[in-house]
Amino acid sequence: MLVVLGLLVLQEVLTRTDVLPGGYFPPASEILRTLAAEVGGDAFWPALFATVRTWLFALLVSVSLGTAVGVLLGLVVPLEAFLRPVIEFLRPVPSVALIPLVVLTIGTGAGSAMFLACFAAFWQVLVPVITGVRSAPPIALDTARSYSLSAWQRIRWIQLPSMLPHLATATRLATSTTLILIVTAEIIIQMPGIGYEITMSRSAGDPARMYAYIALSGAAGIVLNLLVRRLEKRLNASHGVGGTR
């Protein structure tokens, strides 16, 4: 918080002293006043809810699908080896490059933004989950076999708990990735949300309102990341990760 406050003060001083051009960089105090005024306006809450709703759906889909496929590939080594070239081919493809294709096939609704976000976040979840499933201690697996535990019991009590820290880290990364891609899609495709308000403010020549919504997207990212971290701690504690059991 002190770093953020220091940056705001620095930007205010640089703009007031004409080091930064005020037409492109309004003072921080003006941006904050504009943001406060927008809270009571007609566009603020619909834009925020639209972005958060799409973000939540995209995160749930990408994490659920990435976890399910990652566990399967982590357990079935030959299948993962067979699909590895496909994974390595698709994983580096930037989601932004797919926007023209997505617009032509899906349209300009929330489904387009959700697909782009899911495509990017899916790979961030898939690869760590595969690694996590295979990170189970061999001694623990050998001990489980010596006690005649079934394959499902070994997965349930050894391999899945070993995978959870990797999944938690991947989910944190996916949280930011999905939000970035959704706001980007809203800017480029011009669909309702925070990104759309940023575009409209720029087109109207209102930099203070534009920066206000940019600040809103950053604040939303901080809040969502804190919520995911809290969920991560509860998940790890409930499964005995990190020495809680």
C-alpha atoms as a PDB file:
ATOM      1  CA  MET A   1       0.000   0.000   0.000  1.00  0.00           C
ATOM      2  CA  LEU A   2       2.867   2.384   0.758  1.00  0.00           C
ATOM      3  CA  VAL A   3       4.395   1.700  -2.660  1.00  0.00           C
ATOM      4  CA  VAL A   4       1.074   2.404  -4.391  1.00  0.00           C
ATOM      5  CA  LEU A   5       0.601   5.582  -2.365  1.00  0.00           C
ATOM      6  CA  GLY A   6       4.140   6.693  -3.193  1.00  0.00           C
ATOM      7  CA  LEU A   7       3.555   6.146  -6.920  1.00  0.00           C
ATOM      8  CA  LEU A   8       0.324   8.141  -6.775  1.00  0.00           C
ATOM      9  CA  VAL A   9       2.070  11.029  -5.025  1.00  0.00           C
ATOM     10  CA  LEU A  10       4.947  10.894  -7.530  1.00  0.00           C
ATOM     11  CA  GLN A  11       2.544  10.961 -10.488  1.00  0.00           C
ATOM     12  CA  GLU A  12       0.644  13.860  -8.952  1.00  0.00           C
ATOM     13  CA  VAL A  13       3.845  15.868  -8.480  1.00  0.00           C
ATOM     14  CA  LEU A  14       5.194  15.101 -11.974  1.00  0.00           C
ATOM     15  CA  THR A  15       1.931  16.149 -13.600  1.00  0.00           C
ATOM     16  CA  ARG A  16       1.502  19.308 -11.513  1.00  0.00           C
ATOM     17  CA  THR A  17       5.057  20.378 -12.354  1.00  0.00           C
ATOM     18  CA  ASP A  18       4.512  19.700 -16.094  1.00  0.00           C
ATOM     19  CA  VAL A  19       7.151  16.975 -16.211  1.00  0.00           C
ATOM     20  CA  LEU A  20       4.363  14.747 -17.542  1.00  0.00           C
ATOM     21  CA  PRO A  21       1.879  16.321 -19.995  1.00  0.00           C
ATOM     22  CA  GLY A  22      -1.429  16.813 -18.202  1.00  0.00           C
ATOM     23  CA  GLY A  23      -3.412  16.139 -21.374  1.00  0.00           C
ATOM     24  CA  TYR A  24      -2.156  12.554 -21.425  1.00  0.00           C
ATOM     25  CA  PHE A  25      -1.490  11.973 -17.722  1.00  0.00           C
ATOM     26  CA  PRO A  26      -4.145  13.667 -15.554  1.00  0.00           C
ATOM     27  CA  PRO A  27      -3.169  14.163 -11.902  1.00  0.00           C
ATOM     28  CA  ALA A  28      -3.808  11.177  -9.656  1.00  0.00           C
ATOM     29  CA  SER A  29      -6.231  13.240  -7.571  1.00  0.00           C
ATOM     30  CA  GLU A  30      -8.325  13.957 -10.667  1.00  0.00           C
ATOM     31  CA  ILE A  31      -8.328  10.278 -11.646  1.00  0.00           C
ATOM     32  CA  LEU A  32      -9.482   9.282  -8.153  1.00  0.00           C
ATOM     33  CA  ARG A  33     -12.228  11.931  -8.196  1.00  0.00           C
ATOM     34  CA  THR A  34     -13.388  10.667 -11.566  1.00  0.00           C
ATOM     35  CA  LEU A  35     -13.404   7.077 -10.299  1.00  0.00           C
ATOM     36  CA  ALA A  36     -15.437   8.108  -7.248  1.00  0.00           C
ATOM     37  CA  ALA A  37     -17.907   9.908  -9.513  1.00  0.00           C
ATOM     38  CA  GLU A  38     -18.187   6.862 -11.780  1.00  0.00           C
ATOM     39  CA  VAL A  39     -19.151   4.648  -8.827  1.00  0.00           C
ATOM     40  CA  GLY A  40     -22.459   6.468  -8.675  1.00  0.00           C
ATOM     41  CA  GLY A  41     -22.908   6.522 -12.453  1.00  0.00           C
ATOM     42  CA  ASP A  42     -24.906   4.267 -14.733  1.00  0.00           C
ATOM     43  CA  ALA A  43     -21.959   2.543 -16.454  1.00  0.00           C
ATOM     44  CA  PHE A  44     -19.738   1.577 -13.509  1.00  0.00           C
ATOM     45  CA  TRP A  45     -21.509  -1.376 -11.898  1.00  0.00           C
ATOM     46  CA  PRO A  46     -22.779  -3.015 -15.131  1.00  0.00           C
ATOM     47  CA  ALA A  47     -19.241  -2.839 -16.557  1.00  0.00           C
ATOM     48  CA  LEU A  48     -17.686  -4.268 -13.401  1.00  0.00           C
ATOM     49  CA  PHE A  49     -20.246  -7.060 -13.073  1.00  0.00           C
ATOM     50  CA  ALA A  50     -19.908  -7.992 -16.762  1.00  0.00           C
ATOM     51  CA  THR A  51     -16.136  -8.339 -16.469  1.00  0.00           C
ATOM     52  CA  VAL A  52     -16.213 -10.222 -13.160  1.00  0.00           C
ATOM     53  CA  ARG A  53     -18.963 -12.569 -14.362  1.00  0.00           C
ATOM     54  CA  THR A  54     -17.037 -13.498 -17.501  1.00  0.00           C
ATOM     55  CA  TRP A  55     -13.829 -13.824 -15.470  1.00  0.00           C
ATOM     56  CA  LEU A  56     -15.461 -16.188 -12.969  1.00  0.00           C
ATOM     57  CA  PHE A  57     -16.897 -18.476 -15.645  1.00  0.00           C
ATOM     58  CA  ALA A  58     -13.602 -18.517 -17.545  1.00  0.00           C
ATOM     59  CA  LEU A  59     -11.595 -19.324 -14.406  1.00  0.00           C
ATOM     60  CA  LEU A  60     -13.948 -22.129 -13.343  1.00  0.00           C
ATOM     61  CA  VAL A  61     -13.926 -23.702 -16.796  1.00  0.00           C
ATOM     62  CA  SER A  62     -10.167 -23.448 -17.322  1.00  0.00           C
ATOM     63  CA  VAL A  63      -9.257 -24.733 -13.855  1.00  0.00           C
ATOM     64  CA  SER A  64     -11.796 -27.573 -13.927  1.00  0.00           C
ATOM     65  CA  LEU A  65     -10.901 -28.709 -17.428  1.00  0.00           C
ATOM     66  CA  GLY A  66      -7.169 -28.233 -16.936  1.00  0.00           C
ATOM     67  CA  THR A  67      -7.235 -30.203 -13.669  1.00  0.00           C
ATOM     68  CA  ALA A  68      -9.267 -33.083 -15.101  1.00  0.00           C
ATOM     69  CA  VAL A  69      -7.135 -33.431 -18.219  1.00  0.00           C
ATOM     70  CA  GLY A  70      -3.918 -32.874 -16.272  1.00  0.00           C
ATOM     71  CA  VAL A  71      -4.699 -35.615 -13.743  1.00  0.00           C
ATOM     72  CA  LEU A  72      -5.532 -38.006 -16.571  1.00  0.00           C
ATOM     73  CA  LEU A  73      -2.334 -37.267 -18.469  1.00  0.00           C
ATOM     74  CA  GLY A  74      -0.287 -37.324 -15.278  1.00  0.00           C
ATOM     75  CA  LEU A  75      -1.529 -40.821 -14.451  1.00  0.00           C
ATOM     76  CA  VAL A  76      -1.444 -42.236 -17.979  1.00  0.00           C
ATOM     77  CA  VAL A  77       2.139 -41.605 -19.070  1.00  0.00           C
ATOM     78  CA  PRO A  78       1.850 -43.076 -22.604  1.00  0.00           C
ATOM     79  CA  LEU A  79      -1.152 -40.874 -23.358  1.00  0.00           C
ATOM     80  CA  GLU A  80       0.717 -37.769 -22.191  1.00  0.00           C
ATOM     81  CA  ALA A  81       3.742 -38.739 -24.320  1.00  0.00           C
ATOM     82  CA  PHE A  82       1.463 -39.194 -27.333  1.00  0.00           C
ATOM     83  CA  LEU A  83      -0.200 -35.781 -26.857  1.00  0.00           C
ATOM     84  CA  ARG A  84       2.935 -33.874 -25.845  1.00  0.00           C
ATOM     85  CA  PRO A  85       3.659 -32.520 -29.375  1.00  0.00           C
ATOM     86  CA  VAL A  86       0.104 -31.168 -29.582  1.00  0.00           C
ATOM     87  CA  ILE A  87       0.427 -29.532 -26.153  1.00  0.00           C
ATOM     88  CA  GLU A  88       3.779 -27.967 -26.970  1.00  0.00           C
ATOM     89  CA  PHE A  89       2.394 -26.711 -30.289  1.00  0.00           C
ATOM     90  CA  LEU A  90      -0.751 -25.063 -28.895  1.00  0.00           C
ATOM     91  CA  ARG A  91       0.580 -23.807 -25.558  1.00  0.00           C
ATOM     92  CA  PRO A  92       2.738 -20.932 -26.935  1.00  0.00           C
ATOM     93  CA  VAL A  93      -0.027 -19.616 -29.227  1.00  0.00           C
ATOM     94  CA  PRO A  94      -1.079 -16.179 -27.863  1.00  0.00           C
ATOM     95  CA  SER A  95      -4.809 -15.872 -27.298  1.00  0.00           C
ATOM     96  CA  VAL A  96      -4.837 -12.356 -28.751  1.00  0.00           C
ATOM     97  CA  ALA A  97      -3.767 -13.794 -32.115  1.00  0.00           C
ATOM     98  CA  LEU A  98      -6.966 -15.865 -32.146  1.00  0.00           C
ATOM     99  CA  ILE A  99      -9.299 -12.865 -31.792  1.00  0.00           C
ATOM    100  CA  PRO A 100     -10.131 -12.551 -35.533  1.00  0.00           C
ATOM    101  CA  LEU A 101     -10.922 -16.264 -35.768  1.00  0.00           C
ATOM    102  CA  VAL A 102     -12.968 -16.212 -32.559  1.00  0.00           C
ATOM    103  CA  VAL A 103     -14.988 -13.198 -33.708  1.00  0.00           C
ATOM    104  CA  LEU A 104     -15.792 -14.938 -36.999  1.00  0.00           C
ATOM    105  CA  THR A 105     -16.789 -18.228 -35.372  1.00  0.00           C
ATOM    106  CA  ILE A 106     -18.250 -17.287 -31.991  1.00  0.00           C
ATOM    107  CA  GLY A 107     -19.197 -13.641 -32.432  1.00  0.00           C
ATOM    108  CA  THR A 108     -18.650 -10.574 -30.291  1.00  0.00           C
ATOM    109  CA  GLY A 109     -20.438 -11.654 -27.110  1.00  0.00           C
ATOM    110  CA  ALA A 110     -19.122 -12.750 -23.731  1.00  0.00           C
ATOM    111  CA  GLY A 111     -18.489 -16.221 -25.149  1.00  0.00           C
ATOM    112  CA  SER A 112     -15.621 -14.895 -27.248  1.00  0.00           C
ATOM    113  CA  ALA A 113     -13.838 -13.350 -24.271  1.00  0.00           C
ATOM    114  CA  MET A 114     -14.429 -16.460 -22.193  1.00  0.00           C
ATOM    115  CA  PHE A 115     -12.984 -18.721 -24.885  1.00  0.00           C
ATOM    116  CA  LEU A 116      -9.851 -16.578 -25.242  1.00  0.00           C
ATOM    117  CA  ALA A 117      -9.340 -16.492 -21.468  1.00  0.00           C
ATOM    118  CA  CYS A 118      -9.951 -20.235 -21.111  1.00  0.00           C
ATOM    119  CA  PHE A 119      -7.548 -21.032 -23.934  1.00  0.00           C
ATOM    120  CA  ALA A 120      -4.731 -19.104 -22.258  1.00  0.00           C
ATOM    121  CA  ALA A 121      -5.410 -20.266 -18.699  1.00  0.00           C
ATOM    122  CA  PHE A 122      -6.007 -23.921 -19.613  1.00  0.00           C
ATOM    123  CA  TRP A 123      -2.336 -24.504 -20.440  1.00  0.00           C
ATOM    124  CA  GLN A 124      -1.217 -22.720 -17.266  1.00  0.00           C
ATOM    125  CA  VAL A 125      -3.223 -25.229 -15.258  1.00  0.00           C
ATOM    126  CA  LEU A 126      -2.634 -28.342 -17.353  1.00  0.00           C
ATOM    127  CA  VAL A 127       1.172 -28.490 -17.258  1.00  0.00           C
ATOM    128  CA  PRO A 128       1.610 -27.883 -13.477  1.00  0.00           C
ATOM    129  CA  VAL A 129      -1.104 -30.446 -12.698  1.00  0.00           C
ATOM    130  CA  ILE A 130       0.692 -33.081 -14.778  1.00  0.00           C
ATOM    131  CA  THR A 131       3.917 -32.296 -12.942  1.00  0.00           C
ATOM    132  CA  GLY A 132       2.138 -32.294  -9.576  1.00  0.00           C
ATOM    133  CA  VAL A 133       0.542 -35.700 -10.072  1.00  0.00           C
ATOM    134  CA  ARG A 134       3.952 -37.164 -10.863  1.00  0.00           C
ATOM    135  CA  SER A 135       5.658 -35.439  -7.929  1.00  0.00           C
ATOM    136  CA  ALA A 136       4.320 -37.909  -5.372  1.00  0.00           C
ATOM    137  CA  PRO A 137       7.192 -39.366  -3.287  1.00  0.00           C
ATOM    138  CA  PRO A 138       8.144 -42.818  -4.643  1.00  0.00           C
ATOM    139  CA  ILE A 139       8.660 -44.102  -1.092  1.00  0.00           C
ATOM    140  CA  ALA A 140       5.076 -43.181  -0.216  1.00  0.00           C
ATOM    141  CA  LEU A 141       3.771 -44.979  -3.302  1.00  0.00           C
ATOM    142  CA  ASP A 142       5.872 -48.070  -2.551  1.00  0.00           C
ATOM    143  CA  THR A 143       4.627 -48.081   1.037  1.00  0.00           C
ATOM    144  CA  ALA A 144       1.033 -47.816  -0.178  1.00  0.00           C
ATOM    145  CA  ARG A 145       1.542 -50.792  -2.487  1.00  0.00           C
ATOM    146  CA  SER A 146       3.086 -52.823   0.330  1.00  0.00           C
ATOM    147  CA  TYR A 147      -0.069 -52.185   2.381  1.00  0.00           C
ATOM    148  CA  SER A 148      -2.166 -53.335  -0.589  1.00  0.00           C
ATOM    149  CA  LEU A 149      -3.826 -49.958  -1.189  1.00  0.00           C
ATOM    150  CA  SER A 150      -5.823 -49.893  -4.388  1.00  0.00           C
ATOM    151  CA  ALA A 151      -4.896 -47.666  -7.338  1.00  0.00           C
ATOM    152  CA  TRP A 152      -7.718 -45.256  -6.446  1.00  0.00           C
ATOM    153  CA  GLN A 153      -6.567 -45.092  -2.811  1.00  0.00           C
ATOM    154  CA  ARG A 154      -3.020 -44.259  -3.911  1.00  0.00           C
ATOM    155  CA  ILE A 155      -4.361 -41.533  -6.191  1.00  0.00           C
ATOM    156  CA  ARG A 156      -6.742 -40.201  -3.530  1.00  0.00           C
ATOM    157  CA  TRP A 157      -4.367 -40.122  -0.573  1.00  0.00           C
ATOM    158  CA  ILE A 158      -0.924 -39.612  -2.147  1.00  0.00           C
ATOM    159  CA  GLN A 159      -0.905 -38.302  -5.705  1.00  0.00           C
ATOM    160  CA  LEU A 160      -3.761 -35.795  -5.532  1.00  0.00           C
ATOM    161  CA  PRO A 161      -2.476 -34.146  -2.311  1.00  0.00           C
ATOM    162  CA  SER A 162       0.972 -33.901  -3.936  1.00  0.00           C
ATOM    163  CA  MET A 163      -0.659 -32.151  -6.877  1.00  0.00           C
ATOM    164  CA  LEU A 164      -2.535 -29.520  -4.817  1.00  0.00           C
ATOM    165  CA  PRO A 165       0.344 -27.022  -4.297  1.00  0.00           C
ATOM    166  CA  HIS A 166       1.009 -27.049  -8.044  1.00  0.00           C
ATOM    167  CA  LEU A 167      -2.695 -26.551  -8.738  1.00  0.00           C
ATOM    168  CA  ALA A 168      -2.883 -23.664  -6.264  1.00  0.00           C
ATOM    169  CA  THR A 169       0.009 -21.842  -7.934  1.00  0.00           C
ATOM    170  CA  ALA A 170      -1.458 -22.492 -11.375  1.00  0.00           C
ATOM    171  CA  THR A 171      -4.829 -21.143 -10.253  1.00  0.00           C
ATOM    172  CA  ARG A 172      -3.227 -17.911  -9.046  1.00  0.00           C
ATOM    173  CA  LEU A 173      -1.570 -17.472 -12.418  1.00  0.00           C
ATOM    174  CA  ALA A 174      -4.806 -18.308 -14.220  1.00  0.00           C
ATOM    175  CA  THR A 175      -6.639 -15.707 -12.128  1.00  0.00           C
ATOM    176  CA  SER A 176      -4.513 -12.894 -13.545  1.00  0.00           C
ATOM    177  CA  THR A 177      -4.354 -14.348 -17.045  1.00  0.00           C
ATOM    178  CA  THR A 178      -8.110 -14.673 -17.434  1.00  0.00           C
ATOM    179  CA  LEU A 179      -8.696 -11.115 -16.187  1.00  0.00           C
ATOM    180  CA  ILE A 180      -6.063  -9.703 -18.562  1.00  0.00           C
ATOM    181  CA  LEU A 181      -7.484 -11.549 -21.566  1.00  0.00           C
ATOM    182  CA  ILE A 182     -11.069 -10.589 -20.758  1.00  0.00           C
ATOM    183  CA  VAL A 183     -10.268  -6.874 -20.453  1.00  0.00           C
ATOM    184  CA  THR A 184      -8.164  -7.089 -23.634  1.00  0.00           C
ATOM    185  CA  ALA A 185     -11.034  -8.753 -25.500  1.00  0.00           C
ATOM    186  CA  GLU A 186     -13.425  -6.097 -24.239  1.00  0.00           C
ATOM    187  CA  ILE A 187     -11.109  -3.397 -25.594  1.00  0.00           C
ATOM    188  CA  ILE A 188     -10.539  -4.986 -29.012  1.00  0.00           C
ATOM    189  CA  ILE A 189     -13.942  -6.613 -29.612  1.00  0.00           C
ATOM    190  CA  GLN A 190     -15.767  -3.748 -27.863  1.00  0.00           C
ATOM    191  CA  MET A 191     -18.044  -5.907 -25.764  1.00  0.00           C
ATOM    192  CA  PRO A 192     -19.575  -4.665 -22.482  1.00  0.00           C
ATOM    193  CA  GLY A 193     -17.197  -4.487 -19.532  1.00  0.00           C
ATOM    194  CA  ILE A 194     -14.296  -2.533 -18.071  1.00  0.00           C
ATOM    195  CA  GLY A 195     -12.334  -2.741 -21.318  1.00  0.00           C
ATOM    196  CA  TYR A 196     -15.211  -1.286 -23.300  1.00  0.00           C
ATOM    197  CA  GLU A 197     -15.411   1.708 -20.955  1.00  0.00           C
ATOM    198  CA  ILE A 198     -11.655   2.244 -21.361  1.00  0.00           C
ATOM    199  CA  THR A 199     -12.070   2.290 -25.145  1.00  0.00           C
ATOM    200  CA  MET A 200     -15.068   4.623 -25.038  1.00  0.00           C
ATOM    201  CA  SER A 201     -13.243   7.044 -22.709  1.00  0.00           C
ATOM    202  CA  ARG A 202     -10.223   7.131 -25.010  1.00  0.00           C
ATOM    203  CA  SER A 203     -12.430   7.734 -28.053  1.00  0.00           C
ATOM    204  CA  ALA A 204     -14.269  10.549 -26.247  1.00  0.00           C
ATOM    205  CA  GLY A 205     -10.993  12.253 -25.313  1.00  0.00           C
ATOM    206  CA  ASP A 206     -11.520  11.761 -21.565  1.00  0.00           C
ATOM    207  CA  PRO A 207      -8.162  10.504 -20.216  1.00  0.00           C
ATOM    208  CA  ALA A 208      -9.158  10.895 -16.555  1.00  0.00           C
ATOM    209  CA  ARG A 209     -12.103   8.498 -17.031  1.00  0.00           C
ATOM    210  CA  MET A 210      -9.914   6.150 -19.072  1.00  0.00           C
ATOM    211  CA  TYR A 211      -7.301   5.960 -16.317  1.00  0.00           C
ATOM    212  CA  ALA A 212     -10.056   5.573 -13.724  1.00  0.00           C
ATOM    213  CA  TYR A 213     -11.255   2.375 -15.392  1.00  0.00           C
ATOM    214  CA  ILE A 214      -7.671   1.194 -15.871  1.00  0.00           C
ATOM    215  CA  ALA A 215      -7.201   1.661 -12.120  1.00  0.00           C
ATOM    216  CA  LEU A 216     -10.452  -0.242 -11.562  1.00  0.00           C
ATOM    217  CA  SER A 217      -9.130  -3.204 -13.557  1.00  0.00           C
ATOM    218  CA  GLY A 218      -5.956  -3.189 -11.452  1.00  0.00           C
ATOM    219  CA  ALA A 219      -7.920  -3.020  -8.203  1.00  0.00           C
ATOM    220  CA  ALA A 220     -10.140  -5.864  -9.391  1.00  0.00           C
ATOM    221  CA  GLY A 221      -7.029  -7.940 -10.069  1.00  0.00           C
ATOM    222  CA  ILE A 222      -5.710  -7.336  -6.551  1.00  0.00           C
ATOM    223  CA  VAL A 223      -9.029  -8.240  -4.907  1.00  0.00           C
ATOM    224  CA  LEU A 224      -9.515 -11.380  -7.010  1.00  0.00           C
ATOM    225  CA  ASN A 225      -5.953 -12.506  -6.314  1.00  0.00           C
ATOM    226  CA  LEU A 226      -6.481 -12.079  -2.561  1.00  0.00           C
ATOM    227  CA  LEU A 227      -9.674 -14.133  -2.726  1.00  0.00           C
ATOM    228  CA  VAL A 228      -7.931 -16.926  -4.630  1.00  0.00           C
ATOM    229  CA  ARG A 229      -5.016 -16.940  -2.172  1.00  0.00           C
ATOM    230  CA  ARG A 230      -7.435 -17.281   0.738  1.00  0.00           C
ATOM    231  CA  LEU A 231      -9.174 -20.160  -1.017  1.00  0.00           C
ATOM    232  CA  GLU A 232      -5.773 -21.723  -1.653  1.00  0.00           C
ATOM    233  CA  LYS A 233      -4.886 -21.643   2.052  1.00  0.00           C
ATOM    234  CA  ARG A 234      -8.182 -23.273   3.023  1.00  0.00           C
ATOM    235  CA  LEU A 235      -7.761 -25.941   0.357  1.00  0.00           C
ATOM    236  CA  ASN A 236      -4.222 -26.773   1.441  1.00  0.00           C
ATOM    237  CA  ALA A 237      -5.232 -26.877   5.105  1.00  0.00           C
ATOM    238  CA  SER A 238      -8.184 -29.185   4.453  1.00  0.00           C
ATOM    239  CA  HIS A 239      -5.921 -31.648   2.605  1.00  0.00           C
ATOM    240  CA  GLY A 240      -3.042 -31.510   5.056  1.00  0.00           C
ATOM    241  CA  VAL A 241      -0.648 -29.684   2.721  1.00  0.00           C
ATOM    242  CA  GLY A 242       2.175 -27.687   4.201  1.00  0.00           C
ATOM    243  CA  GLY A 243       2.426 -29.545   7.484  1.00  0.00           C
ATOM    244  CA  THR A 244      -1.065 -28.792   8.790  1.00  0.00           C
ATOM    245  CA  ARG A 245      -1.578 -32.449   9.594  1.00  0.00           C
END
